[in-house]
Amino acid sequence: MLESLMKAKIKNIVYISCNPSTLGKNLSILKNKYAIRSIQVFDMFSQTAHVETLVLLSKVKPSKFTNNG
């Protein structure tokens, strides 16, 4: 899925994750073409360590000074 997102011409992504580890791994890849605009954590399962995370990403224009493609 990440490969498809990186090739697509999607302007904005709303990423919802229940796994902070996977979220971090995927954001480290997506940051090459997308900027994080906001992050919101939701505690939908009170009295547990489980949280949902919503991240809004926006595609950044490639700079002639970087290799972001």
N, C-alpha and C. Protein backbone atom coordinates (compact mmCIF):
# COMPACT_ATOMS: atom_id res chain seq x y z
N MET A 1 0.81 -1.18 0.00
CA MET A 1 0.00 0.00 0.00
C MET A 1 0.86 1.26 0.00
N LEU A 2 1.94 1.26 0.78
CA LEU A 2 2.81 2.43 0.82
C LEU A 2 3.38 2.74 -0.56
N GLU A 3 3.77 1.72 -1.30
CA GLU A 3 4.31 1.92 -2.64
C GLU A 3 3.27 2.60 -3.53
N SER A 4 2.03 2.19 -3.44
CA SER A 4 0.96 2.80 -4.23
C SER A 4 0.73 4.25 -3.83
N LEU A 5 0.75 4.53 -2.53
CA LEU A 5 0.58 5.90 -2.06
C LEU A 5 1.70 6.81 -2.55
N MET A 6 2.91 6.29 -2.54
CA MET A 6 4.06 7.10 -2.95
C MET A 6 4.02 7.40 -4.45
N LYS A 7 3.41 6.53 -5.24
CA LYS A 7 3.32 6.74 -6.68
C LYS A 7 2.09 7.56 -7.07
N ALA A 8 1.07 7.55 -6.25
CA ALA A 8 -0.19 8.22 -6.57
C ALA A 8 -0.06 9.74 -6.45
N LYS A 9 -1.00 10.42 -7.06
CA LYS A 9 -1.02 11.88 -7.01
C LYS A 9 -2.07 12.36 -6.01
N ILE A 10 -2.08 11.73 -4.85
CA ILE A 10 -3.04 12.07 -3.80
C ILE A 10 -2.51 13.29 -3.04
N LYS A 11 -3.36 14.31 -2.89
CA LYS A 11 -2.93 15.54 -2.23
C LYS A 11 -2.94 15.42 -0.71
N ASN A 12 -3.96 14.79 -0.16
CA ASN A 12 -4.10 14.68 1.29
C ASN A 12 -4.42 13.25 1.68
N ILE A 13 -3.87 12.83 2.81
CA ILE A 13 -4.14 11.50 3.36
C ILE A 13 -4.60 11.67 4.80
N VAL A 14 -5.66 10.99 5.14
CA VAL A 14 -6.09 10.88 6.54
C VAL A 14 -5.73 9.47 6.96
N TYR A 15 -4.75 9.36 7.82
CA TYR A 15 -4.21 8.05 8.24
C TYR A 15 -4.70 7.79 9.66
N ILE A 16 -5.41 6.69 9.84
CA ILE A 16 -5.89 6.30 11.17
C ILE A 16 -5.18 5.01 11.56
N SER A 17 -4.59 5.01 12.74
CA SER A 17 -3.80 3.85 13.15
C SER A 17 -4.12 3.47 14.59
N CYS A 18 -4.11 2.16 14.83
CA CYS A 18 -4.25 1.66 16.19
C CYS A 18 -2.93 1.07 16.69
N ASN A 19 -1.88 1.19 15.87
CA ASN A 19 -0.58 0.62 16.22
C ASN A 19 0.51 1.68 16.08
N PRO A 20 0.96 2.28 17.20
CA PRO A 20 1.96 3.34 17.13
C PRO A 20 3.27 2.90 16.46
N SER A 21 3.64 1.65 16.61
CA SER A 21 4.88 1.16 15.99
C SER A 21 4.78 1.17 14.47
N THR A 22 3.69 0.65 13.93
CA THR A 22 3.48 0.64 12.49
C THR A 22 3.30 2.06 11.96
N LEU A 23 2.59 2.88 12.70
CA LEU A 23 2.41 4.27 12.31
C LEU A 23 3.76 4.96 12.15
N GLY A 24 4.63 4.81 13.12
CA GLY A 24 5.96 5.43 13.05
C GLY A 24 6.75 4.93 11.85
N LYS A 25 6.70 3.64 11.61
CA LYS A 25 7.42 3.05 10.47
C LYS A 25 6.89 3.60 9.15
N ASN A 26 5.57 3.65 9.01
CA ASN A 26 4.98 4.14 7.77
C ASN A 26 5.19 5.64 7.58
N LEU A 27 5.12 6.42 8.65
CA LEU A 27 5.35 7.86 8.53
C LEU A 27 6.79 8.16 8.13
N SER A 28 7.72 7.31 8.54
CA SER A 28 9.12 7.55 8.16
C SER A 28 9.31 7.40 6.65
N ILE A 29 8.44 6.62 6.01
CA ILE A 29 8.47 6.48 4.56
C ILE A 29 7.66 7.60 3.89
N LEU A 30 6.47 7.84 4.40
CA LEU A 30 5.59 8.85 3.81
C LEU A 30 6.16 10.26 3.90
N LYS A 31 7.01 10.52 4.88
CA LYS A 31 7.54 11.88 5.06
C LYS A 31 8.40 12.34 3.89
N ASN A 32 8.78 11.39 3.03
CA ASN A 32 9.56 11.77 1.85
C ASN A 32 8.74 12.53 0.83
N LYS A 33 7.41 12.39 0.86
CA LYS A 33 6.55 13.11 -0.07
C LYS A 33 5.40 13.85 0.59
N TYR A 34 5.19 13.59 1.88
CA TYR A 34 4.06 14.19 2.59
C TYR A 34 4.54 14.86 3.87
N ALA A 35 3.90 15.99 4.17
CA ALA A 35 4.17 16.70 5.42
C ALA A 35 3.04 16.38 6.40
N ILE A 36 3.41 16.19 7.65
CA ILE A 36 2.41 15.98 8.70
C ILE A 36 1.81 17.33 9.05
N ARG A 37 0.50 17.45 8.87
CA ARG A 37 -0.21 18.72 9.17
C ARG A 37 -0.81 18.71 10.56
N SER A 38 -1.26 17.55 11.02
CA SER A 38 -1.79 17.47 12.39
C SER A 38 -1.82 16.01 12.84
N ILE A 39 -1.75 15.85 14.15
CA ILE A 39 -1.86 14.53 14.77
C ILE A 39 -2.81 14.66 15.95
N GLN A 40 -3.75 13.72 16.05
CA GLN A 40 -4.69 13.71 17.18
C GLN A 40 -4.78 12.28 17.70
N VAL A 41 -4.66 12.14 18.99
CA VAL A 41 -4.76 10.83 19.63
C VAL A 41 -6.13 10.73 20.30
N PHE A 42 -6.78 9.58 20.13
CA PHE A 42 -8.09 9.33 20.71
C PHE A 42 -8.01 8.13 21.65
N ASP A 43 -8.44 8.34 22.89
CA ASP A 43 -8.47 7.27 23.88
C ASP A 43 -9.87 6.68 23.87
N MET A 44 -10.09 5.75 22.97
CA MET A 44 -11.42 5.15 22.82
C MET A 44 -11.63 3.96 23.74
N PHE A 45 -10.56 3.49 24.34
CA PHE A 45 -10.62 2.33 25.22
C PHE A 45 -10.04 2.72 26.57
N SER A 46 -10.81 3.46 27.33
CA SER A 46 -10.32 3.96 28.62
C SER A 46 -9.90 2.80 29.53
N GLN A 47 -8.98 3.11 30.38
CA GLN A 47 -8.42 2.16 31.35
C GLN A 47 -7.59 1.06 30.67
N THR A 48 -7.15 1.33 29.41
CA THR A 48 -6.20 0.45 28.73
C THR A 48 -5.11 1.33 28.13
N ALA A 49 -4.05 0.73 27.67
CA ALA A 49 -2.96 1.47 27.03
C ALA A 49 -3.24 1.69 25.54
N HIS A 50 -4.34 1.18 25.04
CA HIS A 50 -4.66 1.24 23.61
C HIS A 50 -5.20 2.60 23.22
N VAL A 51 -4.65 3.21 22.15
CA VAL A 51 -5.15 4.48 21.62
C VAL A 51 -5.24 4.40 20.10
N GLU A 52 -6.10 5.22 19.54
CA GLU A 52 -6.19 5.39 18.09
C GLU A 52 -5.52 6.72 17.76
N THR A 53 -4.81 6.77 16.64
CA THR A 53 -4.12 7.99 16.24
C THR A 53 -4.57 8.38 14.84
N LEU A 54 -4.93 9.64 14.67
CA LEU A 54 -5.32 10.18 13.39
C LEU A 54 -4.25 11.17 12.95
N VAL A 55 -3.75 11.01 11.73
CA VAL A 55 -2.70 11.89 11.20
C VAL A 55 -3.18 12.44 9.87
N LEU A 56 -3.11 13.76 9.70
CA LEU A 56 -3.42 14.40 8.42
C LEU A 56 -2.10 14.72 7.73
N LEU A 57 -1.94 14.19 6.52
CA LEU A 57 -0.73 14.40 5.73
C LEU A 57 -1.09 15.14 4.45
N SER A 58 -0.23 16.06 4.02
CA SER A 58 -0.42 16.79 2.77
C SER A 58 0.81 16.65 1.91
N LYS A 59 0.59 16.42 0.62
CA LYS A 59 1.71 16.25 -0.31
C LYS A 59 2.48 17.56 -0.40
N VAL A 60 3.80 17.45 -0.38
CA VAL A 60 4.65 18.62 -0.50
C VAL A 60 5.20 18.68 -1.92
N LYS A 61 5.38 19.88 -2.40
CA LYS A 61 5.96 20.05 -3.73
C LYS A 61 7.44 19.74 -3.65
N PRO A 62 7.95 18.98 -4.60
CA PRO A 62 9.39 18.67 -4.57
C PRO A 62 10.20 19.94 -4.78
N SER A 63 11.25 20.03 -4.04
CA SER A 63 12.16 21.16 -4.15
C SER A 63 13.30 20.80 -5.09
N LYS A 64 13.76 21.77 -5.84
CA LYS A 64 14.89 21.50 -6.73
C LYS A 64 16.18 21.29 -5.95
N PHE A 65 16.11 21.53 -4.63
CA PHE A 65 17.29 21.36 -3.79
C PHE A 65 17.29 20.06 -3.01
N THR A 66 16.23 19.24 -3.18
CA THR A 66 16.17 17.95 -2.47
C THR A 66 15.97 16.83 -3.46
N ASN A 67 16.10 15.62 -2.98
CA ASN A 67 15.89 14.45 -3.82
C ASN A 67 14.59 13.75 -3.49
N ASN A 68 13.56 14.50 -3.07
CA ASN A 68 12.29 13.90 -2.67
C ASN A 68 11.47 13.44 -3.87
N GLY A 69 11.85 13.83 -5.08
CA GLY A 69 11.15 13.38 -6.31
C GLY A 69 9.81 13.94 -6.42
